[in-house]
Amino acid sequence: MTTQPNNEELERVRMPRTGEVLGVVEQMYGFDRLRVRCRDGFTRNCRIPGRIRKRLWVREGDVVIVRPWAVQGKEKGDIIHRYTAAQLDALRRKGLWE
């Protein structure tokens, strides 16, 4: 009898695309706003856009993908995706996260 891996392991891990940055949530401000320390060295005030607000639950310490804004890109951005624990392990195996 074979065991079925859970759905988190079956789905593909989303990689950051051009213009997107990995980061860690440092602080929750409330009203879908948070502070994220990004891998490019900037700390950004980010928001969760309305189209994914109900689907994406983010906590402090989560690893996320940030899309910096075109204007004030070094200070502000949008949260695009949150990684689960299984997805974070896959990122570590690929060498994208330590």
PDB file of N, CA and C in Angstrom:
ATOM      1  N   MET A   1       0.844  -1.179   0.000  1.00  0.00           N
ATOM      2  CA  MET A   1       0.000   0.000   0.000  1.00  0.00           C
ATOM      3  C   MET A   1       0.890   1.244   0.000  1.00  0.00           C
ATOM      4  N   THR A   2       0.620   2.158  -0.927  1.00  0.00           N
ATOM      5  CA  THR A   2       1.420   3.379  -1.015  1.00  0.00           C
ATOM      6  C   THR A   2       0.712   4.498  -0.268  1.00  0.00           C
ATOM      7  N   THR A   3       1.502   5.371   0.291  1.00  0.00           N
ATOM      8  CA  THR A   3       0.924   6.513   0.994  1.00  0.00           C
ATOM      9  C   THR A   3       0.862   7.700   0.050  1.00  0.00           C
ATOM     10  N   GLN A   4      -0.175   8.472   0.162  1.00  0.00           N
ATOM     11  CA  GLN A   4      -0.351   9.664  -0.666  1.00  0.00           C
ATOM     12  C   GLN A   4       0.292  10.855   0.021  1.00  0.00           C
ATOM     13  N   PRO A   5       1.219  11.551  -0.649  1.00  0.00           N
ATOM     14  CA  PRO A   5       1.724  12.789  -0.046  1.00  0.00           C
ATOM     15  C   PRO A   5       0.625  13.835  -0.019  1.00  0.00           C
ATOM     16  N   ASN A   6       0.724  14.768   0.942  1.00  0.00           N
ATOM     17  CA  ASN A   6      -0.326  15.774   1.035  1.00  0.00           C
ATOM     18  C   ASN A   6      -0.238  16.754  -0.131  1.00  0.00           C
ATOM     19  N   ASN A   7      -1.257  17.559  -0.312  1.00  0.00           N
ATOM     20  CA  ASN A   7      -1.357  18.450  -1.463  1.00  0.00           C
ATOM     21  C   ASN A   7      -0.250  19.497  -1.505  1.00  0.00           C
ATOM     22  N   GLU A   8       0.269  19.902  -0.334  1.00  0.00           N
ATOM     23  CA  GLU A   8       1.336  20.906  -0.312  1.00  0.00           C
ATOM     24  C   GLU A   8       2.574  20.394  -1.021  1.00  0.00           C
ATOM     25  N   GLU A   9       2.867  19.102  -0.894  1.00  0.00           N
ATOM     26  CA  GLU A   9       4.049  18.542  -1.525  1.00  0.00           C
ATOM     27  C   GLU A   9       3.832  18.315  -3.016  1.00  0.00           C
ATOM     28  N   LEU A  10       2.592  18.119  -3.433  1.00  0.00           N
ATOM     29  CA  LEU A  10       2.307  17.844  -4.832  1.00  0.00           C
ATOM     30  C   LEU A  10       2.339  19.098  -5.703  1.00  0.00           C
ATOM     31  N   GLU A  11       1.939  20.225  -5.155  1.00  0.00           N
ATOM     32  CA  GLU A  11       1.873  21.430  -5.972  1.00  0.00           C
ATOM     33  C   GLU A  11       3.267  21.986  -6.226  1.00  0.00           C
ATOM     34  N   ARG A  12       3.401  22.682  -7.340  1.00  0.00           N
ATOM     35  CA  ARG A  12       4.685  23.301  -7.671  1.00  0.00           C
ATOM     36  C   ARG A  12       4.955  24.479  -6.764  1.00  0.00           C
ATOM     37  N   VAL A  13       6.214  24.679  -6.457  1.00  0.00           N
ATOM     38  CA  VAL A  13       6.610  25.805  -5.616  1.00  0.00           C
ATOM     39  C   VAL A  13       6.755  27.027  -6.508  1.00  0.00           C
ATOM     40  N   ARG A  14       6.096  28.111  -6.135  1.00  0.00           N
ATOM     41  CA  ARG A  14       6.155  29.334  -6.923  1.00  0.00           C
ATOM     42  C   ARG A  14       7.482  30.028  -6.679  1.00  0.00           C
ATOM     43  N   MET A  15       8.192  30.307  -7.745  1.00  0.00           N
ATOM     44  CA  MET A  15       9.478  30.992  -7.667  1.00  0.00           C
ATOM     45  C   MET A  15       9.267  32.493  -7.905  1.00  0.00           C
ATOM     46  N   PRO A  16      10.108  33.331  -7.297  1.00  0.00           N
ATOM     47  CA  PRO A  16      10.004  34.770  -7.556  1.00  0.00           C
ATOM     48  C   PRO A  16      10.344  35.068  -9.009  1.00  0.00           C
ATOM     49  N   ARG A  17       9.514  35.881  -9.634  1.00  0.00           N
ATOM     50  CA  ARG A  17       9.742  36.259 -11.023  1.00  0.00           C
ATOM     51  C   ARG A  17      10.557  37.543 -11.068  1.00  0.00           C
ATOM     52  N   THR A  18      10.805  38.036 -12.261  1.00  0.00           N
ATOM     53  CA  THR A  18      11.563  39.278 -12.421  1.00  0.00           C
ATOM     54  C   THR A  18      10.828  40.417 -11.730  1.00  0.00           C
ATOM     55  N   GLY A  19      11.540  41.161 -10.915  1.00  0.00           N
ATOM     56  CA  GLY A  19      10.938  42.276 -10.196  1.00  0.00           C
ATOM     57  C   GLY A  19      10.317  41.895  -8.868  1.00  0.00           C
ATOM     58  N   GLU A  20      10.342  40.620  -8.492  1.00  0.00           N
ATOM     59  CA  GLU A  20       9.799  40.169  -7.215  1.00  0.00           C
ATOM     60  C   GLU A  20      10.949  39.746  -6.299  1.00  0.00           C
ATOM     61  N   VAL A  21      10.740  39.876  -4.983  1.00  0.00           N
ATOM     62  CA  VAL A  21      11.789  39.635  -4.007  1.00  0.00           C
ATOM     63  C   VAL A  21      11.235  38.760  -2.883  1.00  0.00           C
ATOM     64  N   LEU A  22      12.071  37.866  -2.360  1.00  0.00           N
ATOM     65  CA  LEU A  22      11.700  37.096  -1.174  1.00  0.00           C
ATOM     66  C   LEU A  22      11.926  37.945   0.071  1.00  0.00           C
ATOM     67  N   GLY A  23      11.111  37.713   1.095  1.00  0.00           N
ATOM     68  CA  GLY A  23      11.266  38.451   2.336  1.00  0.00           C
ATOM     69  C   GLY A  23      10.617  37.733   3.496  1.00  0.00           C
ATOM     70  N   VAL A  24      10.894  38.229   4.708  1.00  0.00           N
ATOM     71  CA  VAL A  24      10.328  37.675   5.939  1.00  0.00           C
ATOM     72  C   VAL A  24       9.489  38.755   6.608  1.00  0.00           C
ATOM     73  N   VAL A  25       8.286  38.386   7.042  1.00  0.00           N
ATOM     74  CA  VAL A  25       7.404  39.332   7.723  1.00  0.00           C
ATOM     75  C   VAL A  25       7.968  39.598   9.115  1.00  0.00           C
ATOM     76  N   GLU A  26       8.232  40.871   9.409  1.00  0.00           N
ATOM     77  CA  GLU A  26       8.777  41.253  10.714  1.00  0.00           C
ATOM     78  C   GLU A  26       7.699  41.701  11.681  1.00  0.00           C
ATOM     79  N   GLN A  27       6.742  42.490  11.189  1.00  0.00           N
ATOM     80  CA  GLN A  27       5.745  43.058  12.087  1.00  0.00           C
ATOM     81  C   GLN A  27       4.430  43.257  11.354  1.00  0.00           C
ATOM     82  N   MET A  28       3.335  42.996  12.066  1.00  0.00           N
ATOM     83  CA  MET A  28       1.993  43.237  11.537  1.00  0.00           C
ATOM     84  C   MET A  28       1.522  44.589  12.058  1.00  0.00           C
ATOM     85  N   TYR A  29       1.114  45.472  11.157  1.00  0.00           N
ATOM     86  CA  TYR A  29       0.596  46.769  11.558  1.00  0.00           C
ATOM     87  C   TYR A  29      -0.921  46.746  11.744  1.00  0.00           C
ATOM     88  N   GLY A  30      -1.612  45.857  11.058  1.00  0.00           N
ATOM     89  CA  GLY A  30      -3.063  45.825  11.054  1.00  0.00           C
ATOM     90  C   GLY A  30      -3.587  46.397   9.758  1.00  0.00           C
ATOM     91  N   PHE A  31      -4.868  46.167   9.483  1.00  0.00           N
ATOM     92  CA  PHE A  31      -5.515  46.644   8.257  1.00  0.00           C
ATOM     93  C   PHE A  31      -4.752  46.163   7.023  1.00  0.00           C
ATOM     94  N   ASP A  32      -4.311  44.896   7.047  1.00  0.00           N
ATOM     95  CA  ASP A  32      -3.621  44.259   5.922  1.00  0.00           C
ATOM     96  C   ASP A  32      -2.325  44.963   5.537  1.00  0.00           C
ATOM     97  N   ARG A  33      -1.671  45.559   6.496  1.00  0.00           N
ATOM     98  CA  ARG A  33      -0.368  46.199   6.283  1.00  0.00           C
ATOM     99  C   ARG A  33       0.658  45.517   7.183  1.00  0.00           C
ATOM    100  N   LEU A  34       1.879  45.361   6.666  1.00  0.00           N
ATOM    101  CA  LEU A  34       2.922  44.717   7.439  1.00  0.00           C
ATOM    102  C   LEU A  34       4.298  45.205   7.004  1.00  0.00           C
ATOM    103  N   ARG A  35       5.278  44.965   7.860  1.00  0.00           N
ATOM    104  CA  ARG A  35       6.664  45.315   7.553  1.00  0.00           C
ATOM    105  C   ARG A  35       7.396  44.036   7.193  1.00  0.00           C
ATOM    106  N   VAL A  36       8.092  44.083   6.044  1.00  0.00           N
ATOM    107  CA  VAL A  36       8.789  42.907   5.527  1.00  0.00           C
ATOM    108  C   VAL A  36      10.253  43.257   5.296  1.00  0.00           C
ATOM    109  N   ARG A  37      11.155  42.418   5.816  1.00  0.00           N
ATOM    110  CA  ARG A  37      12.588  42.569   5.527  1.00  0.00           C
ATOM    111  C   ARG A  37      12.882  41.716   4.299  1.00  0.00           C
ATOM    112  N   CYS A  38      13.230  42.385   3.202  1.00  0.00           N
ATOM    113  CA  CYS A  38      13.431  41.717   1.923  1.00  0.00           C
ATOM    114  C   CYS A  38      14.878  41.290   1.739  1.00  0.00           C
ATOM    115  N   ARG A  39      15.088  40.321   0.849  1.00  0.00           N
ATOM    116  CA  ARG A  39      16.419  39.787   0.592  1.00  0.00           C
ATOM    117  C   ARG A  39      17.329  40.770  -0.131  1.00  0.00           C
ATOM    118  N   ASP A  40      16.772  41.822  -0.735  1.00  0.00           N
ATOM    119  CA  ASP A  40      17.606  42.795  -1.437  1.00  0.00           C
ATOM    120  C   ASP A  40      18.136  43.881  -0.493  1.00  0.00           C
ATOM    121  N   GLY A  41      17.869  43.729   0.824  1.00  0.00           N
ATOM    122  CA  GLY A  41      18.427  44.639   1.808  1.00  0.00           C
ATOM    123  C   GLY A  41      17.502  45.753   2.259  1.00  0.00           C
ATOM    124  N   PHE A  42      16.336  45.874   1.662  1.00  0.00           N
ATOM    125  CA  PHE A  42      15.386  46.922   2.037  1.00  0.00           C
ATOM    126  C   PHE A  42      14.337  46.363   2.982  1.00  0.00           C
ATOM    127  N   THR A  43      13.843  47.218   3.874  1.00  0.00           N
ATOM    128  CA  THR A  43      12.691  46.887   4.703  1.00  0.00           C
ATOM    129  C   THR A  43      11.520  47.684   4.154  1.00  0.00           C
ATOM    130  N   ARG A  44      10.489  46.967   3.702  1.00  0.00           N
ATOM    131  CA  ARG A  44       9.370  47.610   3.032  1.00  0.00           C
ATOM    132  C   ARG A  44       8.098  47.537   3.861  1.00  0.00           C
ATOM    133  N   ASN A  45       7.294  48.599   3.764  1.00  0.00           N
ATOM    134  CA  ASN A  45       5.935  48.576   4.286  1.00  0.00           C
ATOM    135  C   ASN A  45       5.078  47.980   3.183  1.00  0.00           C
ATOM    136  N   CYS A  46       4.515  46.815   3.436  1.00  0.00           N
ATOM    137  CA  CYS A  46       3.773  46.091   2.405  1.00  0.00           C
ATOM    138  C   CYS A  46       2.307  46.000   2.763  1.00  0.00           C
ATOM    139  N   ARG A  47       1.513  45.720   1.755  1.00  0.00           N
ATOM    140  CA  ARG A  47       0.087  45.497   1.963  1.00  0.00           C
ATOM    141  C   ARG A  47      -0.311  44.210   1.263  1.00  0.00           C
ATOM    142  N   ILE A  48      -1.448  43.673   1.674  1.00  0.00           N
ATOM    143  CA  ILE A  48      -2.020  42.513   1.010  1.00  0.00           C
ATOM    144  C   ILE A  48      -3.112  43.044   0.092  1.00  0.00           C
ATOM    145  N   PRO A  49      -2.983  42.899  -1.222  1.00  0.00           N
ATOM    146  CA  PRO A  49      -3.988  43.440  -2.142  1.00  0.00           C
ATOM    147  C   PRO A  49      -5.361  42.813  -1.919  1.00  0.00           C
ATOM    148  N   GLY A  50      -6.395  43.557  -2.255  1.00  0.00           N
ATOM    149  CA  GLY A  50      -7.768  43.123  -2.014  1.00  0.00           C
ATOM    150  C   GLY A  50      -8.146  41.825  -2.689  1.00  0.00           C
ATOM    151  N   ARG A  51      -7.576  41.540  -3.861  1.00  0.00           N
ATOM    152  CA  ARG A  51      -7.967  40.330  -4.597  1.00  0.00           C
ATOM    153  C   ARG A  51      -7.516  39.048  -3.909  1.00  0.00           C
ATOM    154  N   ILE A  52      -6.491  39.134  -3.026  1.00  0.00           N
ATOM    155  CA  ILE A  52      -6.036  37.934  -2.318  1.00  0.00           C
ATOM    156  C   ILE A  52      -6.158  38.061  -0.814  1.00  0.00           C
ATOM    157  N   ARG A  53      -6.812  39.099  -0.345  1.00  0.00           N
ATOM    158  CA  ARG A  53      -6.890  39.377   1.093  1.00  0.00           C
ATOM    159  C   ARG A  53      -7.534  38.239   1.878  1.00  0.00           C
ATOM    160  N   LYS A  54      -8.620  37.677   1.392  1.00  0.00           N
ATOM    161  CA  LYS A  54      -9.329  36.619   2.121  1.00  0.00           C
ATOM    162  C   LYS A  54      -8.658  35.265   1.963  1.00  0.00           C
ATOM    163  N   ARG A  55      -7.841  35.082   0.916  1.00  0.00           N
ATOM    164  CA  ARG A  55      -7.206  33.799   0.668  1.00  0.00           C
ATOM    165  C   ARG A  55      -5.839  33.659   1.302  1.00  0.00           C
ATOM    166  N   LEU A  56      -5.219  34.768   1.677  1.00  0.00           N
ATOM    167  CA  LEU A  56      -3.839  34.753   2.146  1.00  0.00           C
ATOM    168  C   LEU A  56      -3.767  35.212   3.593  1.00  0.00           C
ATOM    169  N   TRP A  57      -3.483  34.282   4.499  1.00  0.00           N
ATOM    170  CA  TRP A  57      -3.359  34.618   5.911  1.00  0.00           C
ATOM    171  C   TRP A  57      -1.878  34.618   6.254  1.00  0.00           C
ATOM    172  N   VAL A  58      -1.363  35.764   6.648  1.00  0.00           N
ATOM    173  CA  VAL A  58       0.060  35.938   6.888  1.00  0.00           C
ATOM    174  C   VAL A  58       0.295  36.220   8.364  1.00  0.00           C
ATOM    175  N   ARG A  59       1.370  35.629   8.923  1.00  0.00           N
ATOM    176  CA  ARG A  59       1.765  35.857  10.307  1.00  0.00           C
ATOM    177  C   ARG A  59       3.216  36.324  10.330  1.00  0.00           C
ATOM    178  N   GLU A  60       3.641  36.848  11.475  1.00  0.00           N
ATOM    179  CA  GLU A  60       5.034  37.254  11.631  1.00  0.00           C
ATOM    180  C   GLU A  60       5.936  36.029  11.497  1.00  0.00           C
ATOM    181  N   GLY A  61       7.039  36.193  10.795  1.00  0.00           N
ATOM    182  CA  GLY A  61       7.970  35.090  10.578  1.00  0.00           C
ATOM    183  C   GLY A  61       7.740  34.318   9.299  1.00  0.00           C
ATOM    184  N   ASP A  62       6.638  34.561   8.601  1.00  0.00           N
ATOM    185  CA  ASP A  62       6.360  33.864   7.346  1.00  0.00           C
ATOM    186  C   ASP A  62       7.266  34.381   6.237  1.00  0.00           C
ATOM    187  N   VAL A  63       7.621  33.492   5.321  1.00  0.00           N
ATOM    188  CA  VAL A  63       8.391  33.868   4.143  1.00  0.00           C
ATOM    189  C   VAL A  63       7.402  34.169   3.024  1.00  0.00           C
ATOM    190  N   VAL A  64       7.570  35.321   2.386  1.00  0.00           N
ATOM    191  CA  VAL A  64       6.626  35.786   1.376  1.00  0.00           C
ATOM    192  C   VAL A  64       7.378  36.284   0.144  1.00  0.00           C
ATOM    193  N   ILE A  65       6.623  36.433  -0.954  1.00  0.00           N
ATOM    194  CA  ILE A  65       7.136  37.102  -2.149  1.00  0.00           C
ATOM    195  C   ILE A  65       6.553  38.500  -2.163  1.00  0.00           C
ATOM    196  N   VAL A  66       7.426  39.492  -2.352  1.00  0.00           N
ATOM    197  CA  VAL A  66       7.026  40.898  -2.380  1.00  0.00           C
ATOM    198  C   VAL A  66       7.241  41.442  -3.789  1.00  0.00           C
ATOM    199  N   ARG A  67       6.246  42.157  -4.295  1.00  0.00           N
ATOM    200  CA  ARG A  67       6.404  42.883  -5.545  1.00  0.00           C
ATOM    201  C   ARG A  67       6.516  44.366  -5.205  1.00  0.00           C
ATOM    202  N   PRO A  68       7.734  44.951  -5.313  1.00  0.00           N
ATOM    203  CA  PRO A  68       7.897  46.375  -4.991  1.00  0.00           C
ATOM    204  C   PRO A  68       7.066  47.245  -5.937  1.00  0.00           C
ATOM    205  N   TRP A  69       6.594  48.375  -5.421  1.00  0.00           N
ATOM    206  CA  TRP A  69       5.819  49.310  -6.228  1.00  0.00           C
ATOM    207  C   TRP A  69       6.729  49.988  -7.251  1.00  0.00           C
ATOM    208  N   ALA A  70       6.140  50.467  -8.334  1.00  0.00           N
ATOM    209  CA  ALA A  70       6.905  51.201  -9.339  1.00  0.00           C
ATOM    210  C   ALA A  70       7.390  52.526  -8.767  1.00  0.00           C
ATOM    211  N   VAL A  71       6.550  53.180  -7.974  1.00  0.00           N
ATOM    212  CA  VAL A  71       6.915  54.419  -7.293  1.00  0.00           C
ATOM    213  C   VAL A  71       7.176  54.063  -5.835  1.00  0.00           C
ATOM    214  N   GLN A  72       8.217  54.575  -5.233  1.00  0.00           N
ATOM    215  CA  GLN A  72       8.614  54.262  -3.857  1.00  0.00           C
ATOM    216  C   GLN A  72       8.902  52.765  -3.679  1.00  0.00           C
ATOM    217  N   GLY A  73       9.513  52.151  -4.676  1.00  0.00           N
ATOM    218  CA  GLY A  73       9.775  50.714  -4.658  1.00  0.00           C
ATOM    219  C   GLY A  73      10.712  50.260  -3.564  1.00  0.00           C
ATOM    220  N   LYS A  74      11.567  51.155  -3.064  1.00  0.00           N
ATOM    221  CA  LYS A  74      12.484  50.769  -1.991  1.00  0.00           C
ATOM    222  C   LYS A  74      11.808  50.804  -0.632  1.00  0.00           C
ATOM    223  N   GLU A  75      10.627  51.417  -0.551  1.00  0.00           N
ATOM    224  CA  GLU A  75       9.940  51.561   0.731  1.00  0.00           C
ATOM    225  C   GLU A  75       8.617  50.811   0.811  1.00  0.00           C
ATOM    226  N   LYS A  76       7.971  50.534  -0.329  1.00  0.00           N
ATOM    227  CA  LYS A  76       6.636  49.939  -0.299  1.00  0.00           C
ATOM    228  C   LYS A  76       6.522  48.817  -1.320  1.00  0.00           C
ATOM    229  N   GLY A  77       5.576  47.907  -1.053  1.00  0.00           N
ATOM    230  CA  GLY A  77       5.357  46.790  -1.962  1.00  0.00           C
ATOM    231  C   GLY A  77       4.072  46.053  -1.626  1.00  0.00           C
ATOM    232  N   ASP A  78       3.758  45.065  -2.453  1.00  0.00           N
ATOM    233  CA  ASP A  78       2.582  44.217  -2.271  1.00  0.00           C
ATOM    234  C   ASP A  78       3.026  42.791  -1.994  1.00  0.00           C
ATOM    235  N   ILE A  79       2.314  42.108  -1.099  1.00  0.00           N
ATOM    236  CA  ILE A  79       2.555  40.694  -0.831  1.00  0.00           C
ATOM    237  C   ILE A  79       1.834  39.910  -1.929  1.00  0.00           C
ATOM    238  N   ILE A  80       2.560  39.046  -2.609  1.00  0.00           N
ATOM    239  CA  ILE A  80       1.998  38.287  -3.715  1.00  0.00           C
ATOM    240  C   ILE A  80       1.710  36.839  -3.316  1.00  0.00           C
ATOM    241  N   HIS A  81       2.600  36.249  -2.483  1.00  0.00           N
ATOM    242  CA  HIS A  81       2.486  34.823  -2.162  1.00  0.00           C
ATOM    243  C   HIS A  81       3.118  34.562  -0.799  1.00  0.00           C
ATOM    244  N   ARG A  82       2.558  33.608  -0.064  1.00  0.00           N
ATOM    245  CA  ARG A  82       3.136  33.156   1.211  1.00  0.00           C
ATOM    246  C   ARG A  82       3.505  31.687   1.057  1.00  0.00           C
ATOM    247  N   TYR A  83       4.697  31.331   1.539  1.00  0.00           N
ATOM    248  CA  TYR A  83       5.158  29.949   1.448  1.00  0.00           C
ATOM    249  C   TYR A  83       4.734  29.153   2.678  1.00  0.00           C
ATOM    250  N   THR A  84       4.319  27.912   2.448  1.00  0.00           N
ATOM    251  CA  THR A  84       4.036  26.985   3.543  1.00  0.00           C
ATOM    252  C   THR A  84       5.349  26.339   3.976  1.00  0.00           C
ATOM    253  N   ALA A  85       5.311  25.549   5.032  1.00  0.00           N
ATOM    254  CA  ALA A  85       6.522  24.896   5.536  1.00  0.00           C
ATOM    255  C   ALA A  85       7.099  23.932   4.503  1.00  0.00           C
ATOM    256  N   ALA A  86       6.254  23.168   3.825  1.00  0.00           N
ATOM    257  CA  ALA A  86       6.731  22.224   2.819  1.00  0.00           C
ATOM    258  C   ALA A  86       7.346  22.954   1.625  1.00  0.00           C
ATOM    259  N   GLN A  87       6.735  24.067   1.226  1.00  0.00           N
ATOM    260  CA  GLN A  87       7.275  24.845   0.119  1.00  0.00           C
ATOM    261  C   GLN A  87       8.602  25.487   0.503  1.00  0.00           C
ATOM    262  N   LEU A  88       8.728  25.913   1.760  1.00  0.00           N
ATOM    263  CA  LEU A  88       9.978  26.506   2.231  1.00  0.00           C
ATOM    264  C   LEU A  88      11.106  25.469   2.230  1.00  0.00           C
ATOM    265  N   ASP A  89      10.784  24.221   2.576  1.00  0.00           N
ATOM    266  CA  ASP A  89      11.781  23.148   2.491  1.00  0.00           C
ATOM    267  C   ASP A  89      12.243  22.944   1.056  1.00  0.00           C
ATOM    268  N   ALA A  90      11.325  23.024   0.108  1.00  0.00           N
ATOM    269  CA  ALA A  90      11.685  22.889  -1.313  1.00  0.00           C
ATOM    270  C   ALA A  90      12.583  24.054  -1.745  1.00  0.00           C
ATOM    271  N   LEU A  91      12.319  25.259  -1.244  1.00  0.00           N
ATOM    272  CA  LEU A  91      13.193  26.399  -1.559  1.00  0.00           C
ATOM    273  C   LEU A  91      14.594  26.188  -0.995  1.00  0.00           C
ATOM    274  N   ARG A  92      14.673  25.625   0.201  1.00  0.00           N
ATOM    275  CA  ARG A  92      15.982  25.356   0.810  1.00  0.00           C
ATOM    276  C   ARG A  92      16.753  24.316  -0.006  1.00  0.00           C
ATOM    277  N   ARG A  93      16.059  23.281  -0.489  1.00  0.00           N
ATOM    278  CA  ARG A  93      16.707  22.264  -1.296  1.00  0.00           C
ATOM    279  C   ARG A  93      17.243  22.846  -2.601  1.00  0.00           C
ATOM    280  N   LYS A  94      16.542  23.835  -3.154  1.00  0.00           N
ATOM    281  CA  LYS A  94      16.975  24.478  -4.399  1.00  0.00           C
ATOM    282  C   LYS A  94      18.034  25.537  -4.161  1.00  0.00           C
ATOM    283  N   GLY A  95      18.298  25.878  -2.896  1.00  0.00           N
ATOM    284  CA  GLY A  95      19.334  26.839  -2.575  1.00  0.00           C
ATOM    285  C   GLY A  95      18.894  28.293  -2.648  1.00  0.00           C
ATOM    286  N   LEU A  96      17.586  28.552  -2.671  1.00  0.00           N
ATOM    287  CA  LEU A  96      17.087  29.911  -2.747  1.00  0.00           C
ATOM    288  C   LEU A  96      16.860  30.532  -1.374  1.00  0.00           C
ATOM    289  N   TRP A  97      16.823  29.700  -0.330  1.00  0.00           N
ATOM    290  CA  TRP A  97      16.586  30.191   1.029  1.00  0.00           C
ATOM    291  C   TRP A  97      17.476  29.412   1.980  1.00  0.00           C
ATOM    292  N   GLU A  98      18.061  30.093   2.960  1.00  0.00           N
ATOM    293  CA  GLU A  98      18.925  29.404   3.915  1.00  0.00           C
ATOM    294  C   GLU A  98      18.215  29.128   5.198  1.00  0.00           C
TER     295      GLU A  98
END
